[in-house]
């Protein structure tokens, strides 16, 4: 049992490696690649909707890793900044949350303010 767990642990990528793939796919607006990194297929609809509303680019400033978590501090070309937290298990993002200024984002992209 321990040997099998050791093999499985070493086959899986580290959270930071998954997060670097996420940044690359995000910057290419590649929702197909992004959904491969998530545990839930419904995430594709969210990315399709968001990429159709505004051109978004993620420029990583810092990436940190702690166990199953990868943390991303980012900015975009317009000066918006934020932070994302990714819980990664078996090479899939099973939970994500982030912090950014939505009002500034909406104004920068001339989108309606809810």
C-alpha atoms as a PDB file:
ATOM      1  CA  UNK A   1       0.000   0.000   0.000  1.00  0.00           C
ATOM      2  CA  UNK A   2       2.739   2.466   0.957  1.00  0.00           C
ATOM      3  CA  UNK A   3       4.626   1.691  -2.275  1.00  0.00           C
ATOM      4  CA  UNK A   4       1.511   2.376  -4.379  1.00  0.00           C
ATOM      5  CA  UNK A   5       0.896   5.666  -2.551  1.00  0.00           C
ATOM      6  CA  UNK A   6       4.572   6.608  -3.093  1.00  0.00           C
ATOM      7  CA  UNK A   7       4.278   5.933  -6.848  1.00  0.00           C
ATOM      8  CA  UNK A   8       1.005   7.898  -7.142  1.00  0.00           C
ATOM      9  CA  UNK A   9       2.469  10.820  -5.213  1.00  0.00           C
ATOM     10  CA  UNK A  10       5.504  10.987  -7.496  1.00  0.00           C
ATOM     11  CA  UNK A  11       3.427  10.696 -10.714  1.00  0.00           C
ATOM     12  CA  UNK A  12       1.282  13.729  -9.896  1.00  0.00           C
ATOM     13  CA  UNK A  13       2.579  17.172 -10.686  1.00  0.00           C
ATOM     14  CA  UNK A  14       3.185  19.702  -7.952  1.00  0.00           C
ATOM     15  CA  UNK A  15       0.564  22.426  -7.478  1.00  0.00           C
ATOM     16  CA  UNK A  16       2.995  25.066  -8.753  1.00  0.00           C
ATOM     17  CA  UNK A  17       3.431  23.119 -12.022  1.00  0.00           C
ATOM     18  CA  UNK A  18      -0.349  22.966 -12.498  1.00  0.00           C
ATOM     19  CA  UNK A  19      -0.626  26.696 -11.752  1.00  0.00           C
ATOM     20  CA  UNK A  20       2.008  27.538 -14.382  1.00  0.00           C
ATOM     21  CA  UNK A  21      -0.033  25.542 -16.935  1.00  0.00           C
ATOM     22  CA  UNK A  22      -3.146  27.461 -15.783  1.00  0.00           C
ATOM     23  CA  UNK A  23      -1.423  30.830 -16.375  1.00  0.00           C
ATOM     24  CA  UNK A  24      -0.337  29.771 -19.864  1.00  0.00           C
ATOM     25  CA  UNK A  25      -3.838  28.556 -20.829  1.00  0.00           C
ATOM     26  CA  UNK A  26      -5.475  31.657 -19.299  1.00  0.00           C
ATOM     27  CA  UNK A  27      -3.215  34.001 -21.253  1.00  0.00           C
ATOM     28  CA  UNK A  28      -4.103  32.157 -24.458  1.00  0.00           C
ATOM     29  CA  UNK A  29      -7.850  32.296 -23.582  1.00  0.00           C
ATOM     30  CA  UNK A  30      -7.729  28.494 -24.004  1.00  0.00           C
ATOM     31  CA  UNK A  31     -10.838  27.367 -22.118  1.00  0.00           C
ATOM     32  CA  UNK A  32     -10.379  23.785 -23.367  1.00  0.00           C
ATOM     33  CA  UNK A  33      -6.966  23.556 -21.677  1.00  0.00           C
ATOM     34  CA  UNK A  34      -8.265  25.361 -18.581  1.00  0.00           C
ATOM     35  CA  UNK A  35     -11.088  22.871 -18.031  1.00  0.00           C
ATOM     36  CA  UNK A  36      -8.564  20.026 -18.148  1.00  0.00           C
ATOM     37  CA  UNK A  37      -6.980  21.576 -15.063  1.00  0.00           C
ATOM     38  CA  UNK A  38     -10.254  21.657 -13.119  1.00  0.00           C
ATOM     39  CA  UNK A  39     -12.215  18.896 -11.469  1.00  0.00           C
ATOM     40  CA  UNK A  40     -15.573  20.315 -12.633  1.00  0.00           C
ATOM     41  CA  UNK A  41     -16.508  20.634 -16.318  1.00  0.00           C
ATOM     42  CA  UNK A  42     -18.913  23.493 -15.614  1.00  0.00           C
ATOM     43  CA  UNK A  43     -15.898  25.781 -15.312  1.00  0.00           C
ATOM     44  CA  UNK A  44     -15.666  25.864 -19.146  1.00  0.00           C
ATOM     45  CA  UNK A  45     -18.899  27.863 -19.392  1.00  0.00           C
ATOM     46  CA  UNK A  46     -17.579  30.402 -16.902  1.00  0.00           C
ATOM     47  CA  UNK A  47     -14.306  30.879 -18.804  1.00  0.00           C
ATOM     48  CA  UNK A  48     -16.094  31.057 -22.191  1.00  0.00           C
ATOM     49  CA  UNK A  49     -18.396  33.776 -20.839  1.00  0.00           C
ATOM     50  CA  UNK A  50     -15.609  35.774 -19.197  1.00  0.00           C
ATOM     51  CA  UNK A  51     -13.246  35.571 -22.186  1.00  0.00           C
ATOM     52  CA  UNK A  52     -16.057  36.745 -24.488  1.00  0.00           C
ATOM     53  CA  UNK A  53     -16.669  39.839 -22.322  1.00  0.00           C
ATOM     54  CA  UNK A  54     -13.126  41.177 -22.022  1.00  0.00           C
ATOM     55  CA  UNK A  55      -9.559  40.524 -23.094  1.00  0.00           C
ATOM     56  CA  UNK A  56      -7.783  39.281 -19.992  1.00  0.00           C
ATOM     57  CA  UNK A  57      -4.101  38.565 -19.415  1.00  0.00           C
ATOM     58  CA  UNK A  58      -2.521  37.147 -16.278  1.00  0.00           C
ATOM     59  CA  UNK A  59       1.024  38.346 -15.564  1.00  0.00           C
ATOM     60  CA  UNK A  60       2.363  36.389 -12.586  1.00  0.00           C
ATOM     61  CA  UNK A  61       4.209  38.437  -9.993  1.00  0.00           C
ATOM     62  CA  UNK A  62       4.700  35.660  -7.432  1.00  0.00           C
ATOM     63  CA  UNK A  63       3.808  31.986  -7.211  1.00  0.00           C
ATOM     64  CA  UNK A  64       3.944  30.217  -3.878  1.00  0.00           C
ATOM     65  CA  UNK A  65       3.328  26.574  -3.026  1.00  0.00           C
ATOM     66  CA  UNK A  66       2.297  25.040   0.283  1.00  0.00           C
ATOM     67  CA  UNK A  67       1.335  21.363   0.260  1.00  0.00           C
ATOM     68  CA  UNK A  68      -1.673  20.962  -2.040  1.00  0.00           C
ATOM     69  CA  UNK A  69      -2.046  24.736  -2.449  1.00  0.00           C
ATOM     70  CA  UNK A  70      -0.580  27.105  -5.036  1.00  0.00           C
ATOM     71  CA  UNK A  71      -0.934  30.848  -4.554  1.00  0.00           C
ATOM     72  CA  UNK A  72      -0.686  33.363  -7.398  1.00  0.00           C
ATOM     73  CA  UNK A  73      -0.119  37.101  -7.092  1.00  0.00           C
ATOM     74  CA  UNK A  74      -0.891  38.610 -10.504  1.00  0.00           C
ATOM     75  CA  UNK A  75      -1.320  41.812 -12.465  1.00  0.00           C
ATOM     76  CA  UNK A  76      -2.620  42.616 -15.928  1.00  0.00           C
ATOM     77  CA  UNK A  77      -1.330  45.034 -18.585  1.00  0.00           C
ATOM     78  CA  UNK A  78      -3.849  47.696 -17.469  1.00  0.00           C
ATOM     79  CA  UNK A  79      -2.537  47.732 -13.886  1.00  0.00           C
ATOM     80  CA  UNK A  80      -5.194  45.627 -12.184  1.00  0.00           C
ATOM     81  CA  UNK A  81      -3.772  43.376  -9.465  1.00  0.00           C
ATOM     82  CA  UNK A  82      -5.101  40.366  -7.613  1.00  0.00           C
ATOM     83  CA  UNK A  83      -4.356  37.139  -5.823  1.00  0.00           C
ATOM     84  CA  UNK A  84      -5.600  33.598  -6.491  1.00  0.00           C
ATOM     85  CA  UNK A  85      -5.565  30.522  -4.275  1.00  0.00           C
ATOM     86  CA  UNK A  86      -5.710  27.098  -5.958  1.00  0.00           C
ATOM     87  CA  UNK A  87      -6.293  23.811  -4.093  1.00  0.00           C
ATOM     88  CA  UNK A  88      -4.852  21.082  -6.332  1.00  0.00           C
ATOM     89  CA  UNK A  89      -5.390  17.348  -5.807  1.00  0.00           C
ATOM     90  CA  UNK A  90      -4.419  14.615  -8.307  1.00  0.00           C
ATOM     91  CA  UNK A  91      -3.389  17.248 -10.871  1.00  0.00           C
ATOM     92  CA  UNK A  92      -6.843  18.915 -10.803  1.00  0.00           C
ATOM     93  CA  UNK A  93      -7.903  22.247  -9.368  1.00  0.00           C
ATOM     94  CA  UNK A  94     -10.691  21.289  -6.985  1.00  0.00           C
ATOM     95  CA  UNK A  95     -11.162  24.697  -5.393  1.00  0.00           C
ATOM     96  CA  UNK A  96     -10.167  28.213  -6.346  1.00  0.00           C
ATOM     97  CA  UNK A  97     -10.769  31.613  -4.857  1.00  0.00           C
ATOM     98  CA  UNK A  98      -9.296  34.977  -5.583  1.00  0.00           C
ATOM     99  CA  UNK A  99      -9.279  38.626  -4.688  1.00  0.00           C
ATOM    100  CA  UNK A 100      -9.298  41.561  -7.108  1.00  0.00           C
ATOM    101  CA  UNK A 101     -11.025  44.897  -7.634  1.00  0.00           C
ATOM    102  CA  UNK A 102     -14.088  44.057  -9.758  1.00  0.00           C
ATOM    103  CA  UNK A 103     -15.207  47.693 -10.053  1.00  0.00           C
ATOM    104  CA  UNK A 104     -11.844  48.738 -11.543  1.00  0.00           C
ATOM    105  CA  UNK A 105     -11.981  45.742 -13.929  1.00  0.00           C
ATOM    106  CA  UNK A 106     -15.485  46.665 -15.149  1.00  0.00           C
ATOM    107  CA  UNK A 107     -14.484  50.295 -15.692  1.00  0.00           C
ATOM    108  CA  UNK A 108     -11.228  49.366 -17.526  1.00  0.00           C
ATOM    109  CA  UNK A 109     -13.157  47.183 -19.979  1.00  0.00           C
ATOM    110  CA  UNK A 110     -16.198  49.491 -20.319  1.00  0.00           C
ATOM    111  CA  UNK A 111     -18.482  46.769 -18.982  1.00  0.00           C
ATOM    112  CA  UNK A 112     -21.763  47.510 -17.198  1.00  0.00           C
ATOM    113  CA  UNK A 113     -21.580  47.903 -13.443  1.00  0.00           C
ATOM    114  CA  UNK A 114     -24.051  45.542 -11.764  1.00  0.00           C
END
